[in-house]
């Protein structure tokens, strides 16, 4: 197990994730503190199946208005539920993307080795906004620029991400910078 901490400029906060990486699978638990759009704390647990496909993301968010929880589950066949309710808008997605969380950029990059090999892939993500934990569809494109460098694009937003050899974000311009090294 290893721990990675990022300073998250997008939320004016910090995130620490404790990560277990195995052959084609990832498990992580994380804690987040942010101040934008409002002060909040988040705890999450992430589990993938083979091929780094999201199996489950559980999130608890605490803000001034109270505590919210999300149990986002992928059935392995392209269908999702949030707290037991079907999410047809994200059917077909393989990955979750927890808003302002650099860890969740790892799964599609590892699955396609985009931090190491040329290629461009478009994905549909089950994107989770923070701190309200609403789940929405998000089309995202990842493009290999050179080893360790991948361009992320979604809508009008673009950012070049730097990844370490294992596939974890080191720098996500406009969003986060890693504070701990291996």
N, C-alpha and C. Protein backbone atom coordinates (compact mmCIF):
# COMPACT_ATOMS: atom_id res chain seq x y z
N UNK A 1 0.86 -1.18 0.00
CA UNK A 1 0.00 0.00 0.00
C UNK A 1 0.89 1.23 0.00
N UNK A 2 0.45 2.24 -0.72
CA UNK A 2 1.18 3.49 -0.71
C UNK A 2 0.21 4.65 -0.55
N UNK A 3 0.72 5.74 -0.03
CA UNK A 3 -0.09 6.94 0.16
C UNK A 3 0.43 8.03 -0.76
N UNK A 4 -0.51 8.75 -1.36
CA UNK A 4 -0.18 9.90 -2.20
C UNK A 4 -1.03 11.06 -1.73
N UNK A 5 -0.39 12.22 -1.59
CA UNK A 5 -1.11 13.45 -1.22
C UNK A 5 -0.95 14.47 -2.33
N UNK A 6 -2.07 15.11 -2.66
CA UNK A 6 -2.08 16.18 -3.66
C UNK A 6 -2.57 17.46 -3.01
N UNK A 7 -1.99 18.58 -3.42
CA UNK A 7 -2.57 19.88 -3.14
C UNK A 7 -3.52 20.14 -4.30
N UNK A 8 -4.79 20.35 -4.00
CA UNK A 8 -5.82 20.48 -5.03
C UNK A 8 -6.23 21.94 -5.15
N UNK A 9 -5.62 22.63 -6.12
CA UNK A 9 -5.91 24.05 -6.31
C UNK A 9 -7.35 24.27 -6.73
N UNK A 10 -7.93 23.29 -7.45
CA UNK A 10 -9.32 23.42 -7.90
C UNK A 10 -10.32 23.54 -6.78
N UNK A 11 -10.00 22.98 -5.60
CA UNK A 11 -10.90 23.06 -4.44
C UNK A 11 -10.28 23.88 -3.31
N UNK A 12 -9.06 24.39 -3.56
CA UNK A 12 -8.28 25.06 -2.52
C UNK A 12 -8.19 24.16 -1.29
N UNK A 13 -7.78 22.91 -1.54
CA UNK A 13 -7.70 21.93 -0.47
C UNK A 13 -6.63 20.89 -0.71
N UNK A 14 -6.83 19.73 -0.10
CA UNK A 14 -5.86 18.64 -0.17
C UNK A 14 -6.59 17.31 -0.26
N UNK A 15 -5.91 16.32 -0.84
CA UNK A 15 -6.42 14.96 -0.89
C UNK A 15 -5.28 14.00 -0.59
N UNK A 16 -5.57 13.01 0.22
CA UNK A 16 -4.64 11.90 0.43
C UNK A 16 -5.37 10.62 0.10
N UNK A 17 -4.71 9.77 -0.69
CA UNK A 17 -5.27 8.47 -1.05
C UNK A 17 -4.29 7.38 -0.63
N UNK A 18 -4.83 6.32 -0.03
CA UNK A 18 -4.07 5.12 0.31
C UNK A 18 -4.44 4.10 -0.74
N UNK A 19 -3.46 3.65 -1.51
CA UNK A 19 -3.71 2.91 -2.74
C UNK A 19 -3.05 1.54 -2.71
N UNK A 20 -3.80 0.54 -3.17
CA UNK A 20 -3.26 -0.80 -3.44
C UNK A 20 -3.43 -1.04 -4.93
N UNK A 21 -2.33 -1.29 -5.61
CA UNK A 21 -2.34 -1.53 -7.05
C UNK A 21 -1.87 -2.95 -7.29
N UNK A 22 -2.71 -3.74 -7.97
CA UNK A 22 -2.36 -5.12 -8.29
C UNK A 22 -2.42 -5.31 -9.79
N UNK A 23 -2.33 -6.54 -10.25
CA UNK A 23 -2.41 -6.85 -11.67
C UNK A 23 -3.80 -6.52 -12.20
N UNK A 24 -3.94 -5.36 -12.83
CA UNK A 24 -5.21 -4.98 -13.43
C UNK A 24 -6.28 -4.50 -12.49
N UNK A 25 -5.97 -4.37 -11.19
CA UNK A 25 -6.96 -3.90 -10.23
C UNK A 25 -6.37 -2.81 -9.33
N UNK A 26 -7.26 -1.98 -8.84
CA UNK A 26 -6.88 -0.89 -7.96
C UNK A 26 -7.92 -0.79 -6.85
N UNK A 27 -7.43 -0.60 -5.65
CA UNK A 27 -8.29 -0.30 -4.50
C UNK A 27 -7.71 0.92 -3.82
N UNK A 28 -8.57 1.79 -3.37
CA UNK A 28 -8.08 3.01 -2.71
C UNK A 28 -9.12 3.52 -1.73
N UNK A 29 -8.61 4.18 -0.73
CA UNK A 29 -9.47 4.95 0.15
C UNK A 29 -8.82 6.32 0.27
N UNK A 30 -9.66 7.35 0.33
CA UNK A 30 -9.11 8.69 0.34
C UNK A 30 -9.88 9.61 1.26
N UNK A 31 -9.20 10.68 1.61
CA UNK A 31 -9.79 11.74 2.42
C UNK A 31 -9.47 13.06 1.73
N UNK A 32 -10.47 13.92 1.68
CA UNK A 32 -10.35 15.19 0.98
C UNK A 32 -10.87 16.29 1.88
N UNK A 33 -10.19 17.43 1.87
CA UNK A 33 -10.72 18.64 2.47
C UNK A 33 -10.65 19.72 1.40
N UNK A 34 -11.74 20.42 1.22
CA UNK A 34 -11.80 21.49 0.21
C UNK A 34 -12.53 22.69 0.76
N UNK A 35 -12.33 23.83 0.12
CA UNK A 35 -13.00 25.06 0.54
C UNK A 35 -13.80 25.70 -0.58
N UNK A 36 -13.70 25.17 -1.81
CA UNK A 36 -14.43 25.70 -2.97
C UNK A 36 -15.24 24.56 -3.57
N UNK A 37 -16.53 24.71 -3.80
CA UNK A 37 -17.34 25.92 -3.75
C UNK A 37 -17.78 26.32 -2.35
N UNK A 38 -17.55 25.44 -1.37
CA UNK A 38 -17.85 25.71 0.04
C UNK A 38 -16.96 24.78 0.86
N UNK A 39 -16.74 25.05 2.12
CA UNK A 39 -15.93 24.12 2.93
C UNK A 39 -16.59 22.74 3.00
N UNK A 40 -15.79 21.68 2.77
CA UNK A 40 -16.31 20.32 2.84
C UNK A 40 -15.20 19.33 3.16
N UNK A 41 -15.63 18.17 3.66
CA UNK A 41 -14.78 17.01 3.88
C UNK A 41 -15.37 15.87 3.09
N UNK A 42 -14.52 15.06 2.52
CA UNK A 42 -14.99 13.88 1.79
C UNK A 42 -14.14 12.68 2.19
N UNK A 43 -14.81 11.55 2.36
CA UNK A 43 -14.14 10.26 2.52
C UNK A 43 -14.65 9.38 1.40
N UNK A 44 -13.74 8.63 0.76
CA UNK A 44 -14.19 7.74 -0.30
C UNK A 44 -13.43 6.42 -0.27
N UNK A 45 -14.09 5.40 -0.82
CA UNK A 45 -13.50 4.10 -1.06
C UNK A 45 -13.77 3.76 -2.51
N UNK A 46 -12.73 3.31 -3.20
CA UNK A 46 -12.82 2.99 -4.63
C UNK A 46 -12.31 1.57 -4.83
N UNK A 47 -13.05 0.81 -5.62
CA UNK A 47 -12.64 -0.57 -5.93
C UNK A 47 -12.86 -0.81 -7.41
N UNK A 48 -11.85 -1.34 -8.09
CA UNK A 48 -12.02 -1.70 -9.49
C UNK A 48 -12.03 -3.21 -9.65
N UNK A 49 -12.58 -3.65 -10.77
CA UNK A 49 -12.51 -5.04 -11.19
C UNK A 49 -11.31 -5.16 -12.14
N UNK A 50 -11.17 -6.31 -12.78
CA UNK A 50 -10.09 -6.52 -13.75
C UNK A 50 -10.11 -5.43 -14.81
N UNK A 51 -8.94 -5.06 -15.30
CA UNK A 51 -8.84 -4.04 -16.34
C UNK A 51 -9.08 -2.64 -15.82
N UNK A 52 -8.99 -2.46 -14.51
CA UNK A 52 -9.18 -1.16 -13.86
C UNK A 52 -10.57 -0.57 -14.14
N UNK A 53 -11.56 -1.43 -14.32
CA UNK A 53 -12.95 -0.99 -14.53
C UNK A 53 -13.57 -0.79 -13.15
N UNK A 54 -14.17 0.38 -12.93
CA UNK A 54 -14.77 0.67 -11.64
C UNK A 54 -15.81 -0.38 -11.27
N UNK A 55 -15.70 -0.87 -10.06
CA UNK A 55 -16.72 -1.77 -9.51
C UNK A 55 -17.61 -0.97 -8.56
N UNK A 56 -16.98 -0.21 -7.65
CA UNK A 56 -17.77 0.53 -6.67
C UNK A 56 -17.00 1.75 -6.18
N UNK A 57 -17.74 2.83 -5.99
CA UNK A 57 -17.23 4.04 -5.35
C UNK A 57 -18.23 4.43 -4.28
N UNK A 58 -17.78 4.46 -3.03
CA UNK A 58 -18.62 4.95 -1.95
C UNK A 58 -18.02 6.26 -1.45
N UNK A 59 -18.88 7.24 -1.25
CA UNK A 59 -18.43 8.58 -0.87
C UNK A 59 -19.33 9.12 0.24
N UNK A 60 -18.69 9.77 1.21
CA UNK A 60 -19.43 10.53 2.21
C UNK A 60 -18.89 11.95 2.17
N UNK A 61 -19.78 12.91 2.01
CA UNK A 61 -19.40 14.32 1.95
C UNK A 61 -20.08 15.07 3.08
N UNK A 62 -19.30 15.84 3.81
CA UNK A 62 -19.85 16.65 4.88
C UNK A 62 -19.59 18.12 4.57
N UNK A 63 -20.66 18.91 4.59
CA UNK A 63 -20.59 20.34 4.35
C UNK A 63 -21.55 21.02 5.33
N UNK A 64 -21.63 22.32 5.27
CA UNK A 64 -22.47 23.06 6.21
C UNK A 64 -23.92 22.57 6.20
N UNK A 65 -24.42 22.20 5.02
CA UNK A 65 -25.81 21.76 4.90
C UNK A 65 -26.05 20.36 5.47
N UNK A 66 -24.98 19.65 5.80
CA UNK A 66 -25.14 18.30 6.36
C UNK A 66 -24.27 17.29 5.65
N UNK A 67 -24.60 16.03 5.87
CA UNK A 67 -23.82 14.93 5.31
C UNK A 67 -24.60 14.24 4.20
N UNK A 68 -23.91 13.97 3.10
CA UNK A 68 -24.50 13.22 1.98
C UNK A 68 -23.68 11.96 1.78
N UNK A 69 -24.32 10.92 1.26
CA UNK A 69 -23.59 9.69 0.95
C UNK A 69 -23.96 9.24 -0.46
N UNK A 70 -23.03 8.54 -1.07
CA UNK A 70 -23.23 7.98 -2.41
C UNK A 70 -22.63 6.58 -2.43
N UNK A 71 -23.41 5.63 -2.92
CA UNK A 71 -22.92 4.28 -3.19
C UNK A 71 -23.11 4.07 -4.68
N UNK A 72 -22.05 4.28 -5.45
CA UNK A 72 -22.08 4.18 -6.91
C UNK A 72 -21.55 2.80 -7.29
N UNK A 73 -22.40 2.02 -7.93
CA UNK A 73 -22.08 0.63 -8.22
C UNK A 73 -22.20 0.35 -9.72
N UNK A 74 -21.15 -0.28 -10.27
CA UNK A 74 -21.13 -0.71 -11.67
C UNK A 74 -21.31 -2.22 -11.68
N UNK A 75 -22.22 -2.73 -12.49
CA UNK A 75 -22.54 -4.16 -12.46
C UNK A 75 -21.61 -5.03 -13.29
N UNK A 76 -20.62 -4.43 -13.95
CA UNK A 76 -19.70 -5.20 -14.78
C UNK A 76 -20.20 -5.41 -16.20
N UNK A 77 -21.42 -4.96 -16.47
CA UNK A 77 -22.01 -5.09 -17.80
C UNK A 77 -22.44 -3.74 -18.35
N UNK A 78 -21.89 -2.65 -17.79
CA UNK A 78 -22.17 -1.32 -18.31
C UNK A 78 -23.31 -0.59 -17.65
N UNK A 79 -23.94 -1.18 -16.64
CA UNK A 79 -25.05 -0.51 -15.97
C UNK A 79 -24.62 -0.04 -14.58
N UNK A 80 -25.16 1.09 -14.18
CA UNK A 80 -24.78 1.73 -12.91
C UNK A 80 -26.01 1.99 -12.05
N UNK A 81 -25.79 2.00 -10.74
CA UNK A 81 -26.80 2.47 -9.80
C UNK A 81 -26.13 3.44 -8.83
N UNK A 82 -26.93 4.38 -8.34
CA UNK A 82 -26.49 5.30 -7.30
C UNK A 82 -27.46 5.13 -6.14
N UNK A 83 -26.97 4.66 -5.01
CA UNK A 83 -27.81 4.39 -3.85
C UNK A 83 -28.99 3.50 -4.22
N UNK A 84 -28.71 2.51 -5.10
CA UNK A 84 -29.72 1.53 -5.50
C UNK A 84 -30.60 1.95 -6.66
N UNK A 85 -30.52 3.21 -7.08
CA UNK A 85 -31.36 3.70 -8.19
C UNK A 85 -30.59 3.63 -9.51
N UNK A 86 -31.22 3.10 -10.58
CA UNK A 86 -30.54 3.01 -11.89
C UNK A 86 -30.13 4.38 -12.42
N UNK A 87 -28.98 4.41 -13.10
CA UNK A 87 -28.46 5.64 -13.71
C UNK A 87 -28.31 5.42 -15.21
N UNK A 88 -29.39 5.47 -15.95
CA UNK A 88 -29.36 5.18 -17.39
C UNK A 88 -28.46 6.14 -18.15
N UNK A 89 -28.30 7.38 -17.68
CA UNK A 89 -27.47 8.38 -18.38
C UNK A 89 -26.01 7.98 -18.49
N UNK A 90 -25.54 7.10 -17.62
CA UNK A 90 -24.13 6.70 -17.66
C UNK A 90 -23.95 5.24 -18.08
N UNK A 91 -25.02 4.60 -18.54
CA UNK A 91 -24.90 3.22 -19.03
C UNK A 91 -23.81 3.16 -20.10
N UNK A 92 -22.97 2.16 -19.99
CA UNK A 92 -21.87 1.99 -20.93
C UNK A 92 -20.54 2.51 -20.41
N UNK A 93 -20.58 3.38 -19.42
CA UNK A 93 -19.33 3.90 -18.84
C UNK A 93 -18.61 2.79 -18.09
N UNK A 94 -17.29 2.81 -18.13
CA UNK A 94 -16.49 1.84 -17.38
C UNK A 94 -15.92 2.43 -16.11
N UNK A 95 -15.85 3.76 -16.07
CA UNK A 95 -15.16 4.42 -14.97
C UNK A 95 -16.02 5.46 -14.29
N UNK A 96 -15.72 5.67 -13.01
CA UNK A 96 -16.24 6.82 -12.29
C UNK A 96 -15.17 7.91 -12.36
N UNK A 97 -15.57 9.13 -12.12
CA UNK A 97 -14.64 10.26 -12.04
C UNK A 97 -15.14 11.14 -10.91
N UNK A 98 -14.49 11.03 -9.76
CA UNK A 98 -14.85 11.85 -8.61
C UNK A 98 -14.30 13.25 -8.84
N UNK A 99 -15.18 14.25 -8.86
CA UNK A 99 -14.79 15.61 -9.16
C UNK A 99 -13.61 16.09 -8.32
N UNK A 100 -12.67 16.76 -8.96
CA UNK A 100 -11.49 17.35 -8.33
C UNK A 100 -10.57 16.30 -7.68
N UNK A 101 -10.69 15.05 -8.09
CA UNK A 101 -9.91 13.95 -7.52
C UNK A 101 -8.93 13.42 -8.57
N UNK A 102 -7.64 13.72 -8.43
CA UNK A 102 -6.68 13.26 -9.43
C UNK A 102 -6.54 11.74 -9.50
N UNK A 103 -6.88 11.03 -8.44
CA UNK A 103 -6.74 9.57 -8.46
C UNK A 103 -7.61 8.93 -9.53
N UNK A 104 -8.83 9.44 -9.75
CA UNK A 104 -9.74 8.76 -10.67
C UNK A 104 -9.37 8.95 -12.14
N UNK A 105 -8.31 9.71 -12.43
CA UNK A 105 -7.79 9.76 -13.80
C UNK A 105 -6.90 8.56 -14.09
N UNK A 106 -6.56 7.82 -13.06
CA UNK A 106 -5.62 6.70 -13.20
C UNK A 106 -6.21 5.52 -13.97
N UNK A 107 -7.48 5.18 -13.72
CA UNK A 107 -8.03 3.94 -14.28
C UNK A 107 -7.98 3.89 -15.81
N UNK A 108 -8.51 4.89 -16.54
CA UNK A 108 -8.47 4.78 -18.01
C UNK A 108 -7.04 4.85 -18.55
N UNK A 109 -6.18 5.60 -17.87
CA UNK A 109 -4.79 5.72 -18.33
C UNK A 109 -4.07 4.38 -18.18
N UNK A 110 -4.26 3.72 -17.04
CA UNK A 110 -3.63 2.41 -16.85
C UNK A 110 -4.20 1.36 -17.80
N UNK A 111 -5.52 1.35 -17.96
CA UNK A 111 -6.17 0.34 -18.80
C UNK A 111 -5.60 0.35 -20.22
N UNK A 112 -5.29 1.54 -20.73
CA UNK A 112 -4.81 1.67 -22.11
C UNK A 112 -3.33 2.08 -22.19
N UNK A 113 -2.63 2.08 -21.04
CA UNK A 113 -1.20 2.41 -20.98
C UNK A 113 -0.91 3.75 -21.66
N UNK A 114 -1.82 4.70 -21.54
CA UNK A 114 -1.65 5.99 -22.21
C UNK A 114 -0.51 6.82 -21.63
N UNK A 115 -0.05 6.50 -20.45
CA UNK A 115 1.10 7.20 -19.87
C UNK A 115 2.41 6.66 -20.45
N UNK A 116 2.33 5.57 -21.20
CA UNK A 116 3.53 4.95 -21.78
C UNK A 116 3.51 4.85 -23.29
N UNK A 117 2.32 4.65 -23.88
CA UNK A 117 2.23 4.33 -25.31
C UNK A 117 1.32 5.31 -26.05
N UNK A 118 1.65 5.56 -27.34
CA UNK A 118 0.82 6.46 -28.14
C UNK A 118 -0.62 5.97 -28.23
N UNK A 119 -1.52 6.92 -28.32
CA UNK A 119 -2.93 6.60 -28.49
C UNK A 119 -3.81 7.73 -28.00
N UNK A 120 -5.06 7.66 -28.42
CA UNK A 120 -6.08 8.60 -27.97
C UNK A 120 -7.35 7.80 -27.75
N UNK A 121 -8.00 8.03 -26.63
CA UNK A 121 -9.22 7.30 -26.30
C UNK A 121 -10.28 8.27 -25.79
N UNK A 122 -11.52 8.01 -26.21
CA UNK A 122 -12.65 8.77 -25.68
C UNK A 122 -13.44 7.85 -24.75
N UNK A 123 -13.86 8.43 -23.62
CA UNK A 123 -14.57 7.66 -22.61
C UNK A 123 -15.84 8.38 -22.19
N UNK A 124 -16.82 7.59 -21.80
CA UNK A 124 -17.97 8.10 -21.08
C UNK A 124 -17.71 7.78 -19.61
N UNK A 125 -17.79 8.78 -18.75
CA UNK A 125 -17.54 8.60 -17.33
C UNK A 125 -18.79 8.86 -16.52
N UNK A 126 -18.88 8.18 -15.39
CA UNK A 126 -19.89 8.49 -14.38
C UNK A 126 -19.23 9.53 -13.48
N UNK A 127 -19.45 10.81 -13.80
CA UNK A 127 -18.78 11.91 -13.11
C UNK A 127 -19.58 12.32 -11.87
N UNK A 128 -18.88 12.42 -10.74
CA UNK A 128 -19.51 12.74 -9.46
C UNK A 128 -19.07 14.13 -9.04
N UNK A 129 -20.01 15.07 -8.97
CA UNK A 129 -19.66 16.43 -8.55
C UNK A 129 -19.53 16.49 -7.03
N UNK A 130 -18.66 17.37 -6.58
CA UNK A 130 -18.46 17.54 -5.14
C UNK A 130 -18.76 18.99 -4.75
N UNK A 131 -19.32 19.21 -3.59
CA UNK A 131 -19.63 18.24 -2.55
C UNK A 131 -21.04 17.66 -2.60
N UNK A 132 -21.83 17.96 -3.65
CA UNK A 132 -23.24 17.51 -3.65
C UNK A 132 -23.42 16.04 -4.04
N UNK A 133 -22.40 15.41 -4.63
CA UNK A 133 -22.38 13.99 -4.99
C UNK A 133 -23.41 13.62 -6.07
N UNK A 134 -23.79 14.58 -6.90
CA UNK A 134 -24.66 14.29 -8.04
C UNK A 134 -23.83 13.55 -9.09
N UNK A 135 -24.44 12.55 -9.76
CA UNK A 135 -23.75 11.77 -10.79
C UNK A 135 -24.29 12.18 -12.15
N UNK A 136 -23.36 12.53 -13.05
CA UNK A 136 -23.73 12.98 -14.39
C UNK A 136 -22.83 12.29 -15.41
N UNK A 137 -23.31 12.15 -16.65
CA UNK A 137 -22.43 11.62 -17.70
C UNK A 137 -21.40 12.68 -18.09
N UNK A 138 -20.19 12.24 -18.40
CA UNK A 138 -19.13 13.15 -18.83
C UNK A 138 -18.32 12.47 -19.92
N UNK A 139 -18.27 13.08 -21.08
CA UNK A 139 -17.42 12.58 -22.18
C UNK A 139 -16.03 13.16 -21.98
N UNK A 140 -15.03 12.29 -21.99
CA UNK A 140 -13.65 12.72 -21.75
C UNK A 140 -12.73 12.05 -22.76
N UNK A 141 -11.72 12.79 -23.19
CA UNK A 141 -10.73 12.27 -24.11
C UNK A 141 -9.36 12.35 -23.47
N UNK A 142 -8.62 11.25 -23.55
CA UNK A 142 -7.25 11.19 -23.06
C UNK A 142 -6.34 10.92 -24.25
N UNK A 143 -5.30 11.76 -24.43
CA UNK A 143 -4.38 11.65 -25.56
C UNK A 143 -2.96 11.57 -25.05
N UNK A 144 -2.25 10.51 -25.43
CA UNK A 144 -0.83 10.36 -25.08
C UNK A 144 -0.04 11.43 -25.84
N UNK A 145 0.75 12.24 -25.12
CA UNK A 145 1.59 13.25 -25.75
C UNK A 145 3.04 12.79 -25.84
N UNK A 146 3.50 12.16 -24.78
CA UNK A 146 4.85 11.57 -24.70
C UNK A 146 4.85 10.73 -23.42
N UNK A 147 5.86 9.89 -23.22
CA UNK A 147 5.85 9.10 -21.98
C UNK A 147 5.67 9.99 -20.74
N UNK A 148 4.70 9.62 -19.92
CA UNK A 148 4.42 10.37 -18.70
C UNK A 148 3.56 11.60 -18.89
N UNK A 149 3.15 11.91 -20.11
CA UNK A 149 2.37 13.13 -20.37
C UNK A 149 1.14 12.79 -21.20
N UNK A 150 -0.06 13.13 -20.66
CA UNK A 150 -1.33 12.82 -21.29
C UNK A 150 -2.19 14.07 -21.26
N UNK A 151 -2.83 14.38 -22.39
CA UNK A 151 -3.77 15.51 -22.44
C UNK A 151 -5.17 15.01 -22.11
N UNK A 152 -5.81 15.70 -21.17
CA UNK A 152 -7.19 15.42 -20.77
C UNK A 152 -8.06 16.50 -21.38
N UNK A 153 -9.19 16.10 -21.97
CA UNK A 153 -10.14 17.07 -22.52
C UNK A 153 -11.56 16.62 -22.21
N UNK A 154 -12.38 17.58 -21.80
CA UNK A 154 -13.80 17.34 -21.56
C UNK A 154 -14.52 18.65 -21.84
N UNK A 155 -15.39 18.65 -22.83
CA UNK A 155 -16.05 19.89 -23.22
C UNK A 155 -15.00 20.90 -23.65
N UNK A 156 -15.05 22.10 -23.10
CA UNK A 156 -14.09 23.16 -23.44
C UNK A 156 -12.84 23.10 -22.56
N UNK A 157 -12.81 22.21 -21.56
CA UNK A 157 -11.69 22.14 -20.63
C UNK A 157 -10.59 21.25 -21.18
N UNK A 158 -9.34 21.70 -21.10
CA UNK A 158 -8.18 20.94 -21.51
C UNK A 158 -7.08 21.11 -20.47
N UNK A 159 -6.36 20.03 -20.20
CA UNK A 159 -5.24 20.10 -19.28
C UNK A 159 -4.26 18.99 -19.61
N UNK A 160 -2.97 19.30 -19.53
CA UNK A 160 -1.94 18.29 -19.71
C UNK A 160 -1.56 17.74 -18.35
N UNK A 161 -1.65 16.42 -18.23
CA UNK A 161 -1.38 15.74 -16.97
C UNK A 161 -0.04 15.02 -17.03
N UNK A 162 0.71 15.10 -15.95
CA UNK A 162 1.95 14.36 -15.83
C UNK A 162 1.69 13.16 -14.92
N UNK A 163 2.09 11.97 -15.39
CA UNK A 163 1.91 10.73 -14.65
C UNK A 163 3.26 10.12 -14.31
N UNK A 164 3.34 9.43 -13.17
CA UNK A 164 4.55 8.69 -12.86
C UNK A 164 4.51 7.36 -13.62
N UNK A 165 5.55 6.56 -13.47
CA UNK A 165 5.67 5.30 -14.18
C UNK A 165 4.54 4.33 -13.84
N UNK A 166 4.01 4.41 -12.61
CA UNK A 166 2.92 3.51 -12.20
C UNK A 166 1.55 3.96 -12.69
N UNK A 167 1.44 5.20 -13.20
CA UNK A 167 0.17 5.68 -13.73
C UNK A 167 -0.60 6.59 -12.80
N UNK A 168 0.08 7.18 -11.79
CA UNK A 168 -0.57 8.10 -10.87
C UNK A 168 -0.22 9.54 -11.22
N UNK A 169 -1.17 10.44 -11.06
CA UNK A 169 -0.98 11.85 -11.40
C UNK A 169 0.09 12.47 -10.50
N UNK A 170 1.05 13.13 -11.15
CA UNK A 170 2.07 13.92 -10.47
C UNK A 170 1.66 15.39 -10.53
N UNK A 171 1.21 15.82 -11.71
CA UNK A 171 0.78 17.21 -11.89
C UNK A 171 -0.40 17.25 -12.85
N UNK A 172 -1.44 17.95 -12.46
CA UNK A 172 -2.64 18.13 -13.26
C UNK A 172 -2.83 19.63 -13.32
N UNK A 173 -2.28 20.26 -14.37
CA UNK A 173 -2.32 21.72 -14.44
C UNK A 173 -3.75 22.21 -14.28
N UNK A 174 -3.92 23.26 -13.53
CA UNK A 174 -5.20 23.90 -13.22
C UNK A 174 -6.01 23.13 -12.18
N UNK A 175 -5.47 22.00 -11.66
CA UNK A 175 -6.26 21.25 -10.69
C UNK A 175 -5.46 20.79 -9.47
N UNK A 176 -4.35 20.04 -9.68
CA UNK A 176 -3.69 19.42 -8.53
C UNK A 176 -2.21 19.15 -8.79
N UNK A 177 -1.43 19.17 -7.70
CA UNK A 177 -0.01 18.83 -7.74
C UNK A 177 0.29 17.88 -6.60
N UNK A 178 1.01 16.81 -6.92
CA UNK A 178 1.35 15.83 -5.90
C UNK A 178 2.40 16.39 -4.94
N UNK A 179 2.21 16.15 -3.65
CA UNK A 179 3.13 16.62 -2.62
C UNK A 179 4.06 15.52 -2.16
N UNK A 180 3.67 14.26 -2.32
CA UNK A 180 4.52 13.16 -1.87
C UNK A 180 5.05 12.40 -3.06
N UNK A 181 6.23 11.89 -2.93
CA UNK A 181 6.83 11.09 -4.00
C UNK A 181 7.01 9.67 -3.50
N UNK A 182 7.23 8.79 -4.43
CA UNK A 182 7.42 7.38 -4.09
C UNK A 182 8.65 7.20 -3.25
